[in-house]
């Protein structure tokens, strides 16, 4: 009698686990959510507080005007470099190329590299550099433009440089950090673009961020 009771208990417990696993527990839910970085501003439309990337307009390696609208519906990774750099930039560009290869053809993932030396990095110069790193302008955009605008977005939007500056002739930004931006123009992570281990983390976080959006879309 005792043995029958134990067997019945075990069967009941197993059935409960089965029901929980397949009908209650949401296996599609992301295992964790990435943090949101930056100073907070209140958004009355969504009743939330977060820092967002400002609107922008730059010129890419194909001579086309690129704005924030080109990244709508996508998460993207951004950095700041210059083509004549012989220290950290070649490593950063190689790592960005690695990321672009990993997510090639995925319309939800894009890459945006800004020059910090627009006087040298003309459209033609960026095109040569883009070809060297197999950068497809449909997914990985290398951009130039007004120096003050480039430096302003680096400091005020992406928060990638803590030094104060006016974007003038003597001002210079040189950072190895990449920023991960979500579909809502929020900063979701920072990564050392010269560190391959950090790039592995970034790849994982991009997938995690996409899963977060896919899960929300499924729930709605």
C-alpha atoms as a PDB file:
ATOM      1  CA  UNK A   1       0.000   0.000   0.000  1.00  0.00           C
ATOM      2  CA  UNK A   2       2.849   2.319   0.920  1.00  0.00           C
ATOM      3  CA  UNK A   3       4.602   1.506  -2.369  1.00  0.00           C
ATOM      4  CA  UNK A   4       1.456   2.333  -4.351  1.00  0.00           C
ATOM      5  CA  UNK A   5       1.196   5.670  -2.559  1.00  0.00           C
ATOM      6  CA  UNK A   6       4.831   6.526  -3.389  1.00  0.00           C
ATOM      7  CA  UNK A   7       4.334   5.585  -7.039  1.00  0.00           C
ATOM      8  CA  UNK A   8       1.172   7.692  -7.197  1.00  0.00           C
ATOM      9  CA  UNK A   9       3.032  10.637  -5.662  1.00  0.00           C
ATOM     10  CA  UNK A  10       5.885  10.326  -8.137  1.00  0.00           C
ATOM     11  CA  UNK A  11       3.489  10.132 -11.089  1.00  0.00           C
ATOM     12  CA  UNK A  12       1.629  13.212  -9.837  1.00  0.00           C
ATOM     13  CA  UNK A  13       4.873  15.125  -9.385  1.00  0.00           C
ATOM     14  CA  UNK A  14       6.061  14.142 -12.855  1.00  0.00           C
ATOM     15  CA  UNK A  15       2.761  15.243 -14.370  1.00  0.00           C
ATOM     16  CA  UNK A  16       3.025  18.591 -12.566  1.00  0.00           C
ATOM     17  CA  UNK A  17       6.527  19.147 -13.911  1.00  0.00           C
ATOM     18  CA  UNK A  18       5.319  18.284 -17.422  1.00  0.00           C
ATOM     19  CA  UNK A  19       2.414  20.728 -17.222  1.00  0.00           C
ATOM     20  CA  UNK A  20       4.688  23.477 -15.868  1.00  0.00           C
ATOM     21  CA  UNK A  21       7.339  22.900 -18.521  1.00  0.00           C
ATOM     22  CA  UNK A  22       5.026  22.903 -21.517  1.00  0.00           C
ATOM     23  CA  UNK A  23       2.098  25.068 -20.521  1.00  0.00           C
ATOM     24  CA  UNK A  24       3.185  27.478 -17.789  1.00  0.00           C
ATOM     25  CA  UNK A  25       6.929  28.073 -18.076  1.00  0.00           C
ATOM     26  CA  UNK A  26       7.702  30.353 -21.001  1.00  0.00           C
ATOM     27  CA  UNK A  27      10.753  28.825 -22.648  1.00  0.00           C
ATOM     28  CA  UNK A  28      10.912  31.634 -25.230  1.00  0.00           C
ATOM     29  CA  UNK A  29      11.499  34.276 -22.564  1.00  0.00           C
ATOM     30  CA  UNK A  30      15.096  35.634 -22.672  1.00  0.00           C
ATOM     31  CA  UNK A  31      17.280  34.351 -19.851  1.00  0.00           C
ATOM     32  CA  UNK A  32      18.294  37.908 -18.950  1.00  0.00           C
ATOM     33  CA  UNK A  33      17.804  41.481 -20.101  1.00  0.00           C
ATOM     34  CA  UNK A  34      20.623  43.840 -20.995  1.00  0.00           C
ATOM     35  CA  UNK A  35      20.954  47.043 -18.946  1.00  0.00           C
ATOM     36  CA  UNK A  36      20.051  50.471 -20.319  1.00  0.00           C
ATOM     37  CA  UNK A  37      22.853  53.032 -20.062  1.00  0.00           C
ATOM     38  CA  UNK A  38      22.986  56.800 -19.922  1.00  0.00           C
ATOM     39  CA  UNK A  39      21.454  59.825 -18.270  1.00  0.00           C
ATOM     40  CA  UNK A  40      17.709  59.538 -17.962  1.00  0.00           C
ATOM     41  CA  UNK A  41      15.085  61.721 -19.651  1.00  0.00           C
ATOM     42  CA  UNK A  42      11.364  61.300 -19.184  1.00  0.00           C
ATOM     43  CA  UNK A  43       9.340  60.179 -22.207  1.00  0.00           C
ATOM     44  CA  UNK A  44       5.649  60.965 -21.680  1.00  0.00           C
ATOM     45  CA  UNK A  45       4.580  58.834 -24.662  1.00  0.00           C
ATOM     46  CA  UNK A  46       5.900  55.602 -23.160  1.00  0.00           C
ATOM     47  CA  UNK A  47       5.879  56.643 -19.497  1.00  0.00           C
ATOM     48  CA  UNK A  48       9.496  55.523 -19.168  1.00  0.00           C
ATOM     49  CA  UNK A  49      12.851  57.152 -18.564  1.00  0.00           C
ATOM     50  CA  UNK A  50      15.881  56.517 -20.725  1.00  0.00           C
ATOM     51  CA  UNK A  51      18.689  58.179 -22.642  1.00  0.00           C
ATOM     52  CA  UNK A  52      18.365  57.955 -26.433  1.00  0.00           C
ATOM     53  CA  UNK A  53      20.603  58.646 -29.416  1.00  0.00           C
ATOM     54  CA  UNK A  54      19.950  62.002 -31.084  1.00  0.00           C
ATOM     55  CA  UNK A  55      19.054  62.314 -34.756  1.00  0.00           C
ATOM     56  CA  UNK A  56      22.029  62.508 -37.097  1.00  0.00           C
ATOM     57  CA  UNK A  57      23.054  62.939 -40.714  1.00  0.00           C
ATOM     58  CA  UNK A  58      26.407  61.805 -42.130  1.00  0.00           C
ATOM     59  CA  UNK A  59      27.850  60.613 -45.466  1.00  0.00           C
ATOM     60  CA  UNK A  60      28.835  56.963 -45.939  1.00  0.00           C
ATOM     61  CA  UNK A  61      31.527  55.266 -48.029  1.00  0.00           C
ATOM     62  CA  UNK A  62      29.254  55.292 -51.084  1.00  0.00           C
ATOM     63  CA  UNK A  63      28.595  59.030 -50.837  1.00  0.00           C
ATOM     64  CA  UNK A  64      25.052  58.490 -49.566  1.00  0.00           C
ATOM     65  CA  UNK A  65      23.440  60.480 -46.754  1.00  0.00           C
ATOM     66  CA  UNK A  66      22.886  58.285 -43.699  1.00  0.00           C
ATOM     67  CA  UNK A  67      20.468  59.204 -40.910  1.00  0.00           C
ATOM     68  CA  UNK A  68      18.933  57.515 -37.892  1.00  0.00           C
ATOM     69  CA  UNK A  69      16.108  56.378 -40.193  1.00  0.00           C
ATOM     70  CA  UNK A  70      18.497  53.935 -41.878  1.00  0.00           C
ATOM     71  CA  UNK A  71      18.708  52.070 -38.556  1.00  0.00           C
ATOM     72  CA  UNK A  72      14.996  51.916 -37.812  1.00  0.00           C
ATOM     73  CA  UNK A  73      13.963  48.379 -36.918  1.00  0.00           C
ATOM     74  CA  UNK A  74      17.568  47.323 -36.309  1.00  0.00           C
ATOM     75  CA  UNK A  75      19.971  47.065 -33.417  1.00  0.00           C
ATOM     76  CA  UNK A  76      23.421  48.355 -34.252  1.00  0.00           C
ATOM     77  CA  UNK A  77      27.006  48.510 -33.052  1.00  0.00           C
ATOM     78  CA  UNK A  78      28.863  51.804 -33.334  1.00  0.00           C
ATOM     79  CA  UNK A  79      32.440  52.989 -32.939  1.00  0.00           C
ATOM     80  CA  UNK A  80      34.807  55.883 -33.722  1.00  0.00           C
ATOM     81  CA  UNK A  81      38.050  55.448 -35.681  1.00  0.00           C
ATOM     82  CA  UNK A  82      40.245  56.997 -38.369  1.00  0.00           C
ATOM     83  CA  UNK A  83      41.740  55.321 -41.408  1.00  0.00           C
ATOM     84  CA  UNK A  84      45.341  56.476 -40.897  1.00  0.00           C
ATOM     85  CA  UNK A  85      45.496  55.169 -37.318  1.00  0.00           C
ATOM     86  CA  UNK A  86      48.219  52.555 -36.769  1.00  0.00           C
ATOM     87  CA  UNK A  87      47.437  51.610 -33.164  1.00  0.00           C
ATOM     88  CA  UNK A  88      43.986  50.498 -31.978  1.00  0.00           C
ATOM     89  CA  UNK A  89      41.892  51.285 -35.076  1.00  0.00           C
ATOM     90  CA  UNK A  90      43.113  48.434 -37.320  1.00  0.00           C
ATOM     91  CA  UNK A  91      42.299  45.969 -34.546  1.00  0.00           C
ATOM     92  CA  UNK A  92      38.905  47.555 -33.982  1.00  0.00           C
ATOM     93  CA  UNK A  93      38.071  47.435 -37.687  1.00  0.00           C
ATOM     94  CA  UNK A  94      39.129  43.811 -37.894  1.00  0.00           C
ATOM     95  CA  UNK A  95      36.848  42.985 -34.967  1.00  0.00           C
ATOM     96  CA  UNK A  96      33.993  44.966 -36.524  1.00  0.00           C
ATOM     97  CA  UNK A  97      34.523  43.013 -39.738  1.00  0.00           C
ATOM     98  CA  UNK A  98      34.275  39.832 -37.687  1.00  0.00           C
ATOM     99  CA  UNK A  99      30.947  41.002 -36.248  1.00  0.00           C
ATOM    100  CA  UNK A 100      29.650  42.004 -39.677  1.00  0.00           C
ATOM    101  CA  UNK A 101      30.561  38.577 -41.044  1.00  0.00           C
ATOM    102  CA  UNK A 102      28.796  36.867 -38.146  1.00  0.00           C
ATOM    103  CA  UNK A 103      25.532  38.761 -38.794  1.00  0.00           C
ATOM    104  CA  UNK A 104      25.829  39.127 -42.556  1.00  0.00           C
ATOM    105  CA  UNK A 105      22.418  39.297 -44.228  1.00  0.00           C
ATOM    106  CA  UNK A 106      20.563  39.862 -40.955  1.00  0.00           C
ATOM    107  CA  UNK A 107      18.472  42.983 -41.563  1.00  0.00           C
ATOM    108  CA  UNK A 108      17.989  43.456 -37.830  1.00  0.00           C
ATOM    109  CA  UNK A 109      21.708  43.999 -37.189  1.00  0.00           C
ATOM    110  CA  UNK A 110      23.793  46.878 -38.565  1.00  0.00           C
ATOM    111  CA  UNK A 111      27.142  48.533 -37.918  1.00  0.00           C
ATOM    112  CA  UNK A 112      28.121  52.203 -37.898  1.00  0.00           C
ATOM    113  CA  UNK A 113      31.726  53.444 -37.821  1.00  0.00           C
ATOM    114  CA  UNK A 114      32.378  57.197 -37.561  1.00  0.00           C
ATOM    115  CA  UNK A 115      35.651  58.819 -38.509  1.00  0.00           C
ATOM    116  CA  UNK A 116      37.191  61.204 -35.974  1.00  0.00           C
ATOM    117  CA  UNK A 117      39.370  62.708 -38.709  1.00  0.00           C
ATOM    118  CA  UNK A 118      36.954  63.952 -41.390  1.00  0.00           C
ATOM    119  CA  UNK A 119      39.569  66.196 -43.037  1.00  0.00           C
ATOM    120  CA  UNK A 120      41.542  63.102 -44.068  1.00  0.00           C
ATOM    121  CA  UNK A 121      38.724  60.568 -44.222  1.00  0.00           C
ATOM    122  CA  UNK A 122      36.879  61.693 -47.305  1.00  0.00           C
ATOM    123  CA  UNK A 123      34.269  59.506 -48.999  1.00  0.00           C
ATOM    124  CA  UNK A 124      36.958  58.157 -51.307  1.00  0.00           C
ATOM    125  CA  UNK A 125      39.258  57.343 -48.386  1.00  0.00           C
ATOM    126  CA  UNK A 126      36.453  55.604 -46.508  1.00  0.00           C
ATOM    127  CA  UNK A 127      35.571  53.601 -49.618  1.00  0.00           C
ATOM    128  CA  UNK A 128      39.118  52.261 -49.878  1.00  0.00           C
ATOM    129  CA  UNK A 129      39.082  51.380 -46.197  1.00  0.00           C
ATOM    130  CA  UNK A 130      35.657  49.768 -46.519  1.00  0.00           C
ATOM    131  CA  UNK A 131      36.847  47.562 -49.377  1.00  0.00           C
ATOM    132  CA  UNK A 132      39.868  46.533 -47.307  1.00  0.00           C
ATOM    133  CA  UNK A 133      37.546  45.317 -44.539  1.00  0.00           C
ATOM    134  CA  UNK A 134      34.771  43.930 -46.775  1.00  0.00           C
ATOM    135  CA  UNK A 135      32.276  46.472 -45.446  1.00  0.00           C
ATOM    136  CA  UNK A 136      28.955  46.261 -47.288  1.00  0.00           C
ATOM    137  CA  UNK A 137      27.357  49.715 -47.065  1.00  0.00           C
ATOM    138  CA  UNK A 138      23.922  48.112 -46.746  1.00  0.00           C
ATOM    139  CA  UNK A 139      24.894  46.726 -43.353  1.00  0.00           C
ATOM    140  CA  UNK A 140      28.181  48.315 -42.251  1.00  0.00           C
ATOM    141  CA  UNK A 141      28.362  52.054 -42.835  1.00  0.00           C
ATOM    142  CA  UNK A 142      31.577  54.037 -42.455  1.00  0.00           C
ATOM    143  CA  UNK A 143      30.681  57.714 -42.213  1.00  0.00           C
ATOM    144  CA  UNK A 144      32.232  61.144 -42.349  1.00  0.00           C
ATOM    145  CA  UNK A 145      30.784  64.620 -41.949  1.00  0.00           C
ATOM    146  CA  UNK A 146      31.076  67.779 -39.912  1.00  0.00           C
ATOM    147  CA  UNK A 147      33.664  67.297 -37.152  1.00  0.00           C
ATOM    148  CA  UNK A 148      31.601  69.069 -34.502  1.00  0.00           C
ATOM    149  CA  UNK A 149      28.600  66.869 -35.324  1.00  0.00           C
ATOM    150  CA  UNK A 150      30.722  63.704 -35.208  1.00  0.00           C
ATOM    151  CA  UNK A 151      32.325  64.628 -31.885  1.00  0.00           C
ATOM    152  CA  UNK A 152      29.039  65.840 -30.455  1.00  0.00           C
ATOM    153  CA  UNK A 153      27.263  62.562 -31.085  1.00  0.00           C
ATOM    154  CA  UNK A 154      30.222  60.599 -29.694  1.00  0.00           C
ATOM    155  CA  UNK A 155      30.095  62.496 -26.410  1.00  0.00           C
ATOM    156  CA  UNK A 156      26.465  63.480 -25.983  1.00  0.00           C
ATOM    157  CA  UNK A 157      24.629  60.510 -27.527  1.00  0.00           C
ATOM    158  CA  UNK A 158      26.887  57.462 -27.398  1.00  0.00           C
ATOM    159  CA  UNK A 159      28.687  58.665 -24.243  1.00  0.00           C
ATOM    160  CA  UNK A 160      31.919  57.216 -25.609  1.00  0.00           C
ATOM    161  CA  UNK A 161      34.222  60.030 -24.511  1.00  0.00           C
ATOM    162  CA  UNK A 162      34.196  61.693 -21.106  1.00  0.00           C
ATOM    163  CA  UNK A 163      36.586  64.494 -22.090  1.00  0.00           C
ATOM    164  CA  UNK A 164      35.114  67.894 -22.843  1.00  0.00           C
ATOM    165  CA  UNK A 165      35.727  69.358 -26.269  1.00  0.00           C
ATOM    166  CA  UNK A 166      34.252  71.564 -28.948  1.00  0.00           C
ATOM    167  CA  UNK A 167      35.134  69.565 -32.043  1.00  0.00           C
ATOM    168  CA  UNK A 168      37.655  72.230 -32.987  1.00  0.00           C
ATOM    169  CA  UNK A 169      41.060  71.794 -34.690  1.00  0.00           C
ATOM    170  CA  UNK A 170      42.816  70.777 -31.455  1.00  0.00           C
ATOM    171  CA  UNK A 171      40.073  68.436 -30.248  1.00  0.00           C
ATOM    172  CA  UNK A 172      40.571  64.702 -30.738  1.00  0.00           C
ATOM    173  CA  UNK A 173      38.698  61.543 -29.696  1.00  0.00           C
ATOM    174  CA  UNK A 174      40.478  58.195 -29.605  1.00  0.00           C
ATOM    175  CA  UNK A 175      38.513  55.380 -27.952  1.00  0.00           C
ATOM    176  CA  UNK A 176      38.526  51.627 -28.457  1.00  0.00           C
ATOM    177  CA  UNK A 177      35.011  51.163 -27.100  1.00  0.00           C
ATOM    178  CA  UNK A 178      32.027  49.925 -29.103  1.00  0.00           C
ATOM    179  CA  UNK A 179      28.442  50.707 -28.095  1.00  0.00           C
ATOM    180  CA  UNK A 180      25.428  48.466 -28.688  1.00  0.00           C
ATOM    181  CA  UNK A 181      22.262  50.400 -29.558  1.00  0.00           C
ATOM    182  CA  UNK A 182      18.789  48.884 -29.510  1.00  0.00           C
ATOM    183  CA  UNK A 183      15.807  49.458 -31.813  1.00  0.00           C
ATOM    184  CA  UNK A 184      14.568  52.192 -29.475  1.00  0.00           C
ATOM    185  CA  UNK A 185      17.856  54.130 -29.816  1.00  0.00           C
ATOM    186  CA  UNK A 186      18.987  53.256 -26.286  1.00  0.00           C
ATOM    187  CA  UNK A 187      22.507  52.216 -25.256  1.00  0.00           C
ATOM    188  CA  UNK A 188      22.508  48.592 -24.098  1.00  0.00           C
ATOM    189  CA  UNK A 189      26.207  47.831 -23.691  1.00  0.00           C
ATOM    190  CA  UNK A 190      29.840  48.898 -24.010  1.00  0.00           C
ATOM    191  CA  UNK A 191      32.643  46.635 -25.223  1.00  0.00           C
ATOM    192  CA  UNK A 192      36.390  46.899 -25.799  1.00  0.00           C
ATOM    193  CA  UNK A 193      36.794  46.698 -29.568  1.00  0.00           C
ATOM    194  CA  UNK A 194      40.382  45.491 -29.264  1.00  0.00           C
ATOM    195  CA  UNK A 195      39.487  42.501 -27.089  1.00  0.00           C
ATOM    196  CA  UNK A 196      38.294  39.378 -28.920  1.00  0.00           C
ATOM    197  CA  UNK A 197      36.745  37.991 -25.734  1.00  0.00           C
ATOM    198  CA  UNK A 198      34.675  41.158 -25.362  1.00  0.00           C
ATOM    199  CA  UNK A 199      33.615  40.762 -28.973  1.00  0.00           C
ATOM    200  CA  UNK A 200      32.389  37.247 -28.196  1.00  0.00           C
ATOM    201  CA  UNK A 201      30.309  38.743 -25.391  1.00  0.00           C
ATOM    202  CA  UNK A 202      28.987  41.362 -27.808  1.00  0.00           C
ATOM    203  CA  UNK A 203      27.898  38.684 -30.279  1.00  0.00           C
ATOM    204  CA  UNK A 204      26.009  36.917 -27.500  1.00  0.00           C
ATOM    205  CA  UNK A 205      24.436  40.188 -26.359  1.00  0.00           C
ATOM    206  CA  UNK A 206      23.250  41.034 -29.882  1.00  0.00           C
ATOM    207  CA  UNK A 207      21.454  37.690 -30.050  1.00  0.00           C
ATOM    208  CA  UNK A 208      20.058  38.279 -26.570  1.00  0.00           C
ATOM    209  CA  UNK A 209      18.792  41.725 -27.537  1.00  0.00           C
ATOM    210  CA  UNK A 210      17.130  40.381 -30.682  1.00  0.00           C
ATOM    211  CA  UNK A 211      15.494  37.615 -28.645  1.00  0.00           C
ATOM    212  CA  UNK A 212      14.181  40.275 -26.277  1.00  0.00           C
ATOM    213  CA  UNK A 213      12.440  42.042 -29.167  1.00  0.00           C
ATOM    214  CA  UNK A 214      11.186  38.803 -30.725  1.00  0.00           C
ATOM    215  CA  UNK A 215       9.729  37.756 -27.384  1.00  0.00           C
ATOM    216  CA  UNK A 216       7.901  41.076 -26.981  1.00  0.00           C
ATOM    217  CA  UNK A 217       6.536  40.835 -30.516  1.00  0.00           C
ATOM    218  CA  UNK A 218       5.323  37.298 -29.848  1.00  0.00           C
ATOM    219  CA  UNK A 219       3.633  38.308 -26.598  1.00  0.00           C
ATOM    220  CA  UNK A 220       1.837  41.195 -28.335  1.00  0.00           C
END
